[in-house]
Amino acid sequence: MRKRLGLLLAALAVFVLCFGGLAAAEEKVYINGIDFGFPPFGYVDKDGKPTGFDVESLNWIAKKMGFKVKHQPMDWDGIIPALLAKKIDIVASGMSATAERAKKVDFSIPYYEVTQVLLVPEKDKTTLAEMLKSGKKIGVQRGTVTAKLLEELVTKPGYKFEVVPYDSTDLSIEDVKIGRIAGSGMDSTIAKEVMKNPGFKIAGTFDAKPEKYGYAMRKEDKEFQKKINDGLKLLMADPYWKELKAKYGL
């Protein structure tokens, strides 16, 4: 009797070990692709840790909705191809929900609105209109709404400037500092973040409709989209939303 009981317990232990381990191994961790340097929404801090408004927002949503999330910094111009290739599961990192992008991905409900601006050295008195006819170099991050805007403008009659693409807005700002380029085009949110440090100003706002930020997901991931939208609605109604906005100056 004791021997049979021992065998039964041993079999039960093997079952729990095998199937319990299998369940743990199959637990889904959703990967969020973020920009390397797009403060305050998504960026890598001085300690190499992914952080930002969207990172903290998605962490809250994940905890509330009962799933796990990991944040993966990557090049912005390849972030939607990475999403479609299932290397990541979501892009929550200050992405404008444009009609062109919506042909490939689905977006969450909007949560923020931005305009496109030109950042220049504080002492530069050139206006945006003058800069676009000056023949000077204007930097911009690849794959952004501002990059597309500048690429379209430079082909139109009456405009004369050179578009200089960068892997990140941070790199373009460094070149503005040393005079390698005359200015850098970007979302108004990141311009506001840059101007927390002295030496920069906004030369003007581009004549384009404001863009709304949303989280990008694959079109077929309807269940995940519902979790994100439900969680985002809960977050925006929670006092923590105001705390986050205050923390990141939004």
C-alpha atoms as a PDB file:
ATOM      1  CA  MET A   1       0.000   0.000   0.000  1.00  0.00           C
ATOM      2  CA  ARG A   2       2.775   2.382   0.980  1.00  0.00           C
ATOM      3  CA  LYS A   3       4.690   1.499  -2.190  1.00  0.00           C
ATOM      4  CA  ARG A   4       1.643   2.195  -4.384  1.00  0.00           C
ATOM      5  CA  LEU A   5       1.094   5.510  -2.633  1.00  0.00           C
ATOM      6  CA  GLY A   6       4.734   6.439  -3.251  1.00  0.00           C
ATOM      7  CA  LEU A   7       4.414   5.618  -6.941  1.00  0.00           C
ATOM      8  CA  LEU A   8       1.246   7.691  -7.161  1.00  0.00           C
ATOM      9  CA  LEU A   9       2.905  10.694  -5.553  1.00  0.00           C
ATOM     10  CA  ALA A  10       5.923  10.345  -7.820  1.00  0.00           C
ATOM     11  CA  ALA A  11       3.690  10.251 -10.898  1.00  0.00           C
ATOM     12  CA  LEU A  12       1.812  13.301  -9.646  1.00  0.00           C
ATOM     13  CA  ALA A  13       5.092  15.163  -9.133  1.00  0.00           C
ATOM     14  CA  VAL A  14       6.197  14.346 -12.693  1.00  0.00           C
ATOM     15  CA  PHE A  15       2.830  15.558 -14.042  1.00  0.00           C
ATOM     16  CA  VAL A  16       3.059  18.859 -12.176  1.00  0.00           C
ATOM     17  CA  LEU A  17       6.698  19.327 -13.200  1.00  0.00           C
ATOM     18  CA  CYS A  18       6.040  18.620 -16.872  1.00  0.00           C
ATOM     19  CA  PHE A  19       2.755  20.367 -17.420  1.00  0.00           C
ATOM     20  CA  GLY A  20       3.375  23.159 -14.929  1.00  0.00           C
ATOM     21  CA  GLY A  21       6.707  23.868 -16.616  1.00  0.00           C
ATOM     22  CA  LEU A  22       5.057  23.741 -20.038  1.00  0.00           C
ATOM     23  CA  ALA A  23       2.431  26.295 -18.962  1.00  0.00           C
ATOM     24  CA  ALA A  24       5.123  28.608 -17.618  1.00  0.00           C
ATOM     25  CA  ALA A  25       7.140  28.238 -20.806  1.00  0.00           C
ATOM     26  CA  GLU A  26       4.102  29.074 -22.931  1.00  0.00           C
ATOM     27  CA  GLU A  27       3.161  32.190 -20.936  1.00  0.00           C
ATOM     28  CA  LYS A  28       3.060  35.074 -23.405  1.00  0.00           C
ATOM     29  CA  VAL A  29       5.252  38.104 -22.840  1.00  0.00           C
ATOM     30  CA  TYR A  30       4.285  40.959 -25.158  1.00  0.00           C
ATOM     31  CA  ILE A  31       7.222  42.884 -26.611  1.00  0.00           C
ATOM     32  CA  ASN A  32       6.892  46.660 -26.962  1.00  0.00           C
ATOM     33  CA  GLY A  33       9.185  48.243 -29.533  1.00  0.00           C
ATOM     34  CA  ILE A  34      10.387  51.685 -28.471  1.00  0.00           C
ATOM     35  CA  ASP A  35      12.638  54.359 -29.931  1.00  0.00           C
ATOM     36  CA  PHE A  36      16.185  54.569 -28.563  1.00  0.00           C
ATOM     37  CA  GLY A  37      15.849  58.309 -28.018  1.00  0.00           C
ATOM     38  CA  PHE A  38      12.405  59.893 -28.097  1.00  0.00           C
ATOM     39  CA  PRO A  39      11.926  61.514 -24.697  1.00  0.00           C
ATOM     40  CA  PRO A  40       9.635  61.868 -22.922  1.00  0.00           C
ATOM     41  CA  PHE A  41       7.628  59.028 -24.533  1.00  0.00           C
ATOM     42  CA  GLY A  42      10.169  56.255 -25.048  1.00  0.00           C
ATOM     43  CA  TYR A  43      13.932  56.213 -24.659  1.00  0.00           C
ATOM     44  CA  VAL A  44      16.891  54.532 -22.980  1.00  0.00           C
ATOM     45  CA  ASP A  45      18.089  56.297 -19.822  1.00  0.00           C
ATOM     46  CA  LYS A  46      21.695  56.816 -18.699  1.00  0.00           C
ATOM     47  CA  ASP A  47      21.674  53.390 -17.026  1.00  0.00           C
ATOM     48  CA  GLY A  48      20.615  51.666 -20.242  1.00  0.00           C
ATOM     49  CA  LYS A  49      17.063  51.069 -19.021  1.00  0.00           C
ATOM     50  CA  PRO A  50      14.013  51.579 -21.284  1.00  0.00           C
ATOM     51  CA  THR A  51      11.821  54.282 -19.788  1.00  0.00           C
ATOM     52  CA  GLY A  52       9.449  57.111 -20.625  1.00  0.00           C
ATOM     53  CA  PHE A  53       5.786  58.093 -20.514  1.00  0.00           C
ATOM     54  CA  ASP A  54       4.615  55.301 -22.822  1.00  0.00           C
ATOM     55  CA  VAL A  55       6.812  52.710 -21.108  1.00  0.00           C
ATOM     56  CA  GLU A  56       5.306  53.483 -17.707  1.00  0.00           C
ATOM     57  CA  SER A  57       1.810  53.742 -19.171  1.00  0.00           C
ATOM     58  CA  LEU A  58       2.047  50.301 -20.787  1.00  0.00           C
ATOM     59  CA  ASN A  59       3.489  48.809 -17.588  1.00  0.00           C
ATOM     60  CA  TRP A  60       0.381  50.038 -15.735  1.00  0.00           C
ATOM     61  CA  ILE A  61      -1.945  48.687 -18.427  1.00  0.00           C
ATOM     62  CA  ALA A  62      -0.198  45.296 -18.440  1.00  0.00           C
ATOM     63  CA  LYS A  63      -0.549  44.960 -14.675  1.00  0.00           C
ATOM     64  CA  LYS A  64      -4.189  46.046 -14.757  1.00  0.00           C
ATOM     65  CA  MET A  65      -5.147  43.781 -17.661  1.00  0.00           C
ATOM     66  CA  GLY A  66      -3.151  40.756 -16.493  1.00  0.00           C
ATOM     67  CA  PHE A  67      -0.362  40.336 -19.025  1.00  0.00           C
ATOM     68  CA  LYS A  68       3.400  40.739 -19.056  1.00  0.00           C
ATOM     69  CA  VAL A  69       5.325  43.226 -21.179  1.00  0.00           C
ATOM     70  CA  LYS A  70       8.955  43.779 -22.094  1.00  0.00           C
ATOM     71  CA  HIS A  71      10.314  46.928 -23.768  1.00  0.00           C
ATOM     72  CA  GLN A  72      12.742  46.537 -26.680  1.00  0.00           C
ATOM     73  CA  PRO A  73      14.653  49.598 -27.994  1.00  0.00           C
ATOM     74  CA  MET A  74      15.186  49.544 -31.763  1.00  0.00           C
ATOM     75  CA  ASP A  75      15.707  51.692 -34.859  1.00  0.00           C
ATOM     76  CA  TRP A  76      12.554  53.686 -35.574  1.00  0.00           C
ATOM     77  CA  ASP A  77      12.537  53.316 -39.357  1.00  0.00           C
ATOM     78  CA  GLY A  78      12.378  49.528 -38.995  1.00  0.00           C
ATOM     79  CA  ILE A  79       9.874  49.352 -36.159  1.00  0.00           C
ATOM     80  CA  ILE A  80       6.700  48.673 -38.184  1.00  0.00           C
ATOM     81  CA  PRO A  81       8.423  45.975 -40.296  1.00  0.00           C
ATOM     82  CA  ALA A  82       9.527  44.399 -36.982  1.00  0.00           C
ATOM     83  CA  LEU A  83       5.920  44.487 -35.752  1.00  0.00           C
ATOM     84  CA  LEU A  84       4.610  42.871 -38.931  1.00  0.00           C
ATOM     85  CA  ALA A  85       7.362  40.226 -38.762  1.00  0.00           C
ATOM     86  CA  LYS A  86       6.258  39.416 -35.168  1.00  0.00           C
ATOM     87  CA  LYS A  87       9.595  40.378 -33.676  1.00  0.00           C
ATOM     88  CA  ILE A  88       7.617  42.735 -31.435  1.00  0.00           C
ATOM     89  CA  ASP A  89       3.911  42.844 -30.547  1.00  0.00           C
ATOM     90  CA  ILE A  90       3.160  46.534 -30.051  1.00  0.00           C
ATOM     91  CA  VAL A  91       4.668  49.981 -30.590  1.00  0.00           C
ATOM     92  CA  ALA A  92       3.933  52.258 -27.639  1.00  0.00           C
ATOM     93  CA  SER A  93       6.521  54.988 -28.120  1.00  0.00           C
ATOM     94  CA  GLY A  94       5.053  58.265 -29.323  1.00  0.00           C
ATOM     95  CA  MET A  95       3.897  57.037 -32.737  1.00  0.00           C
ATOM     96  CA  SER A  96       1.616  59.210 -34.852  1.00  0.00           C
ATOM     97  CA  ALA A  97      -1.431  57.258 -36.013  1.00  0.00           C
ATOM     98  CA  THR A  98      -1.247  58.327 -39.649  1.00  0.00           C
ATOM     99  CA  ALA A  99      -3.526  57.083 -42.431  1.00  0.00           C
ATOM    100  CA  GLU A 100      -0.507  55.646 -44.262  1.00  0.00           C
ATOM    101  CA  ARG A 101       0.582  53.588 -41.244  1.00  0.00           C
ATOM    102  CA  ALA A 102      -3.017  52.505 -40.608  1.00  0.00           C
ATOM    103  CA  LYS A 103      -2.952  50.642 -43.930  1.00  0.00           C
ATOM    104  CA  LYS A 104      -0.462  48.221 -42.352  1.00  0.00           C
ATOM    105  CA  VAL A 105      -1.308  48.253 -38.633  1.00  0.00           C
ATOM    106  CA  ASP A 106      -4.204  49.014 -36.304  1.00  0.00           C
ATOM    107  CA  PHE A 107      -3.940  51.754 -33.710  1.00  0.00           C
ATOM    108  CA  SER A 108      -5.315  52.061 -30.220  1.00  0.00           C
ATOM    109  CA  ILE A 109      -7.552  54.927 -29.201  1.00  0.00           C
ATOM    110  CA  PRO A 110      -5.610  58.232 -29.394  1.00  0.00           C
ATOM    111  CA  TYR A 111      -4.055  59.554 -26.207  1.00  0.00           C
ATOM    112  CA  TYR A 112      -2.016  62.626 -27.223  1.00  0.00           C
ATOM    113  CA  GLU A 113      -1.821  65.255 -29.997  1.00  0.00           C
ATOM    114  CA  VAL A 114       1.280  66.870 -31.484  1.00  0.00           C
ATOM    115  CA  THR A 115       2.400  69.252 -34.221  1.00  0.00           C
ATOM    116  CA  GLN A 116       5.581  69.255 -36.321  1.00  0.00           C
ATOM    117  CA  VAL A 117       8.163  71.972 -35.587  1.00  0.00           C
ATOM    118  CA  LEU A 118      11.670  73.095 -36.516  1.00  0.00           C
ATOM    119  CA  LEU A 119      14.195  73.412 -33.696  1.00  0.00           C
ATOM    120  CA  VAL A 120      17.172  75.772 -34.180  1.00  0.00           C
ATOM    121  CA  PRO A 121      19.908  77.330 -32.033  1.00  0.00           C
ATOM    122  CA  GLU A 122      18.521  79.940 -29.668  1.00  0.00           C
ATOM    123  CA  LYS A 123      20.551  82.753 -31.264  1.00  0.00           C
ATOM    124  CA  ASP A 124      19.359  81.967 -34.817  1.00  0.00           C
ATOM    125  CA  LYS A 125      16.847  84.587 -35.997  1.00  0.00           C
ATOM    126  CA  THR A 126      15.866  82.687 -39.172  1.00  0.00           C
ATOM    127  CA  THR A 127      12.163  81.846 -39.353  1.00  0.00           C
ATOM    128  CA  LEU A 128      10.827  78.498 -40.520  1.00  0.00           C
ATOM    129  CA  ALA A 129       9.646  80.007 -43.815  1.00  0.00           C
ATOM    130  CA  GLU A 130      13.084  81.531 -44.437  1.00  0.00           C
ATOM    131  CA  MET A 131      14.871  78.293 -43.494  1.00  0.00           C
ATOM    132  CA  LEU A 132      12.906  76.318 -46.073  1.00  0.00           C
ATOM    133  CA  LYS A 133      14.214  78.635 -48.822  1.00  0.00           C
ATOM    134  CA  SER A 134      17.747  79.156 -47.502  1.00  0.00           C
ATOM    135  CA  GLY A 135      19.492  76.166 -49.041  1.00  0.00           C
ATOM    136  CA  LYS A 136      20.629  75.108 -45.558  1.00  0.00           C
ATOM    137  CA  LYS A 137      20.715  71.588 -44.113  1.00  0.00           C
ATOM    138  CA  ILE A 138      17.788  70.441 -41.976  1.00  0.00           C
ATOM    139  CA  GLY A 139      18.075  67.245 -39.982  1.00  0.00           C
ATOM    140  CA  VAL A 140      15.289  64.794 -39.188  1.00  0.00           C
ATOM    141  CA  GLN A 141      14.901  61.286 -37.819  1.00  0.00           C
ATOM    142  CA  ARG A 142      14.290  58.588 -40.430  1.00  0.00           C
ATOM    143  CA  GLY A 143      10.825  57.045 -40.612  1.00  0.00           C
ATOM    144  CA  THR A 144       9.035  59.898 -38.832  1.00  0.00           C
ATOM    145  CA  VAL A 145       6.069  61.995 -39.889  1.00  0.00           C
ATOM    146  CA  THR A 146       8.358  65.041 -39.998  1.00  0.00           C
ATOM    147  CA  ALA A 147      10.780  63.223 -42.304  1.00  0.00           C
ATOM    148  CA  LYS A 148       7.977  62.477 -44.760  1.00  0.00           C
ATOM    149  CA  LEU A 149       6.815  66.099 -44.541  1.00  0.00           C
ATOM    150  CA  LEU A 150      10.286  67.486 -45.298  1.00  0.00           C
ATOM    151  CA  GLU A 151      10.863  65.008 -48.117  1.00  0.00           C
ATOM    152  CA  GLU A 152       7.641  66.181 -49.756  1.00  0.00           C
ATOM    153  CA  LEU A 153       8.349  69.901 -49.222  1.00  0.00           C
ATOM    154  CA  VAL A 154      11.850  69.785 -50.691  1.00  0.00           C
ATOM    155  CA  THR A 155      10.434  68.677 -54.069  1.00  0.00           C
ATOM    156  CA  LYS A 156       7.963  71.572 -54.318  1.00  0.00           C
ATOM    157  CA  PRO A 157       8.667  74.787 -56.297  1.00  0.00           C
ATOM    158  CA  GLY A 158       9.949  77.668 -54.189  1.00  0.00           C
ATOM    159  CA  TYR A 159      11.577  75.503 -51.534  1.00  0.00           C
ATOM    160  CA  LYS A 160      15.340  75.113 -51.262  1.00  0.00           C
ATOM    161  CA  PHE A 161      16.951  73.144 -48.430  1.00  0.00           C
ATOM    162  CA  GLU A 162      18.714  69.840 -47.884  1.00  0.00           C
ATOM    163  CA  VAL A 163      17.197  67.024 -45.833  1.00  0.00           C
ATOM    164  CA  VAL A 164      19.774  65.216 -43.666  1.00  0.00           C
ATOM    165  CA  PRO A 165      18.419  61.918 -42.231  1.00  0.00           C
ATOM    166  CA  TYR A 166      19.451  60.576 -38.819  1.00  0.00           C
ATOM    167  CA  ASP A 167      18.882  57.346 -36.903  1.00  0.00           C
ATOM    168  CA  SER A 168      17.578  59.338 -33.935  1.00  0.00           C
ATOM    169  CA  THR A 169      16.498  62.868 -33.082  1.00  0.00           C
ATOM    170  CA  ASP A 170      19.189  62.955 -30.387  1.00  0.00           C
ATOM    171  CA  LEU A 171      21.902  62.636 -33.029  1.00  0.00           C
ATOM    172  CA  SER A 172      20.437  65.469 -35.105  1.00  0.00           C
ATOM    173  CA  ILE A 173      20.326  67.716 -32.028  1.00  0.00           C
ATOM    174  CA  GLU A 174      24.025  67.086 -31.413  1.00  0.00           C
ATOM    175  CA  ASP A 175      24.755  68.246 -34.971  1.00  0.00           C
ATOM    176  CA  VAL A 176      22.622  71.360 -34.484  1.00  0.00           C
ATOM    177  CA  LYS A 177      24.797  72.173 -31.465  1.00  0.00           C
ATOM    178  CA  ILE A 178      28.006  72.120 -33.495  1.00  0.00           C
ATOM    179  CA  GLY A 179      26.553  73.799 -36.582  1.00  0.00           C
ATOM    180  CA  ARG A 180      26.738  70.809 -38.901  1.00  0.00           C
ATOM    181  CA  ILE A 181      23.053  71.354 -39.715  1.00  0.00           C
ATOM    182  CA  ALA A 182      20.983  74.537 -39.348  1.00  0.00           C
ATOM    183  CA  GLY A 183      18.029  72.950 -37.577  1.00  0.00           C
ATOM    184  CA  SER A 184      16.135  69.742 -36.870  1.00  0.00           C
ATOM    185  CA  GLY A 185      12.509  68.892 -37.607  1.00  0.00           C
ATOM    186  CA  MET A 186      10.566  66.920 -34.974  1.00  0.00           C
ATOM    187  CA  ASP A 187       7.347  66.477 -33.020  1.00  0.00           C
ATOM    188  CA  SER A 188       6.480  69.370 -30.715  1.00  0.00           C
ATOM    189  CA  THR A 189       6.655  67.025 -27.715  1.00  0.00           C
ATOM    190  CA  ILE A 190      10.320  66.153 -28.168  1.00  0.00           C
ATOM    191  CA  ALA A 191      11.148  69.785 -28.999  1.00  0.00           C
ATOM    192  CA  LYS A 192       9.657  70.772 -25.656  1.00  0.00           C
ATOM    193  CA  GLU A 193      11.828  68.154 -23.978  1.00  0.00           C
ATOM    194  CA  VAL A 194      14.991  69.383 -25.732  1.00  0.00           C
ATOM    195  CA  MET A 195      14.266  72.980 -24.739  1.00  0.00           C
ATOM    196  CA  LYS A 196      14.426  72.059 -21.067  1.00  0.00           C
ATOM    197  CA  ASN A 197      18.136  72.613 -21.681  1.00  0.00           C
ATOM    198  CA  PRO A 198      19.333  76.090 -22.782  1.00  0.00           C
ATOM    199  CA  GLY A 199      20.487  76.845 -26.314  1.00  0.00           C
ATOM    200  CA  PHE A 200      17.474  75.960 -28.468  1.00  0.00           C
ATOM    201  CA  LYS A 201      14.199  77.440 -29.655  1.00  0.00           C
ATOM    202  CA  ILE A 202      11.375  76.622 -32.073  1.00  0.00           C
ATOM    203  CA  ALA A 203      11.744  78.535 -35.349  1.00  0.00           C
ATOM    204  CA  GLY A 204       8.184  77.720 -36.360  1.00  0.00           C
ATOM    205  CA  THR A 205       5.461  75.111 -36.774  1.00  0.00           C
ATOM    206  CA  PHE A 206       4.995  73.336 -40.108  1.00  0.00           C
ATOM    207  CA  ASP A 207       1.762  73.924 -41.994  1.00  0.00           C
ATOM    208  CA  ALA A 208       0.388  70.447 -41.396  1.00  0.00           C
ATOM    209  CA  LYS A 209      -2.520  68.993 -39.443  1.00  0.00           C
ATOM    210  CA  PRO A 210      -1.783  67.968 -35.849  1.00  0.00           C
ATOM    211  CA  GLU A 211      -1.081  64.263 -35.414  1.00  0.00           C
ATOM    212  CA  LYS A 212      -2.572  61.978 -32.768  1.00  0.00           C
ATOM    213  CA  TYR A 213      -0.459  59.385 -30.973  1.00  0.00           C
ATOM    214  CA  GLY A 214      -1.675  55.803 -30.662  1.00  0.00           C
ATOM    215  CA  TYR A 215      -0.240  52.356 -29.901  1.00  0.00           C
ATOM    216  CA  ALA A 216       0.361  50.295 -33.067  1.00  0.00           C
ATOM    217  CA  MET A 217      -0.550  46.591 -33.206  1.00  0.00           C
ATOM    218  CA  ARG A 218      -0.970  43.914 -35.863  1.00  0.00           C
ATOM    219  CA  LYS A 219      -4.373  43.953 -37.539  1.00  0.00           C
ATOM    220  CA  GLU A 220      -5.076  40.320 -36.712  1.00  0.00           C
ATOM    221  CA  ASP A 221      -4.405  40.709 -32.966  1.00  0.00           C
ATOM    222  CA  LYS A 222      -7.970  41.766 -32.107  1.00  0.00           C
ATOM    223  CA  GLU A 223      -8.002  40.264 -28.607  1.00  0.00           C
ATOM    224  CA  PHE A 224      -4.781  42.045 -27.680  1.00  0.00           C
ATOM    225  CA  GLN A 225      -6.102  45.294 -29.174  1.00  0.00           C
ATOM    226  CA  LYS A 226      -9.159  45.060 -26.916  1.00  0.00           C
ATOM    227  CA  LYS A 227      -6.960  44.538 -23.848  1.00  0.00           C
ATOM    228  CA  ILE A 228      -4.865  47.565 -24.764  1.00  0.00           C
ATOM    229  CA  ASN A 229      -7.838  49.823 -25.500  1.00  0.00           C
ATOM    230  CA  ASP A 230      -9.698  48.771 -22.352  1.00  0.00           C
ATOM    231  CA  GLY A 231      -6.549  49.266 -20.288  1.00  0.00           C
ATOM    232  CA  LEU A 232      -5.770  52.632 -21.865  1.00  0.00           C
ATOM    233  CA  LYS A 233      -9.293  53.863 -21.122  1.00  0.00           C
ATOM    234  CA  LEU A 234      -8.913  52.785 -17.489  1.00  0.00           C
ATOM    235  CA  LEU A 235      -5.521  54.488 -17.256  1.00  0.00           C
ATOM    236  CA  MET A 236      -6.752  57.772 -18.732  1.00  0.00           C
ATOM    237  CA  ALA A 237      -9.571  57.789 -16.156  1.00  0.00           C
ATOM    238  CA  ASP A 238      -7.221  57.024 -13.262  1.00  0.00           C
ATOM    239  CA  PRO A 239      -5.386  59.697 -11.173  1.00  0.00           C
ATOM    240  CA  TYR A 240      -2.107  58.006 -12.172  1.00  0.00           C
ATOM    241  CA  TRP A 241      -2.563  59.375 -15.725  1.00  0.00           C
ATOM    242  CA  LYS A 242      -2.294  62.950 -14.448  1.00  0.00           C
ATOM    243  CA  GLU A 243       0.668  61.967 -12.298  1.00  0.00           C
ATOM    244  CA  LEU A 244       2.476  60.529 -15.318  1.00  0.00           C
ATOM    245  CA  LYS A 245       1.755  63.583 -17.455  1.00  0.00           C
ATOM    246  CA  ALA A 246       3.066  65.856 -14.704  1.00  0.00           C
ATOM    247  CA  LYS A 247       6.165  63.684 -14.239  1.00  0.00           C
ATOM    248  CA  TYR A 248       7.064  63.893 -17.942  1.00  0.00           C
ATOM    249  CA  GLY A 249       5.968  67.503 -18.461  1.00  0.00           C
ATOM    250  CA  LEU A 250       3.067  66.720 -20.797  1.00  0.00           C
END
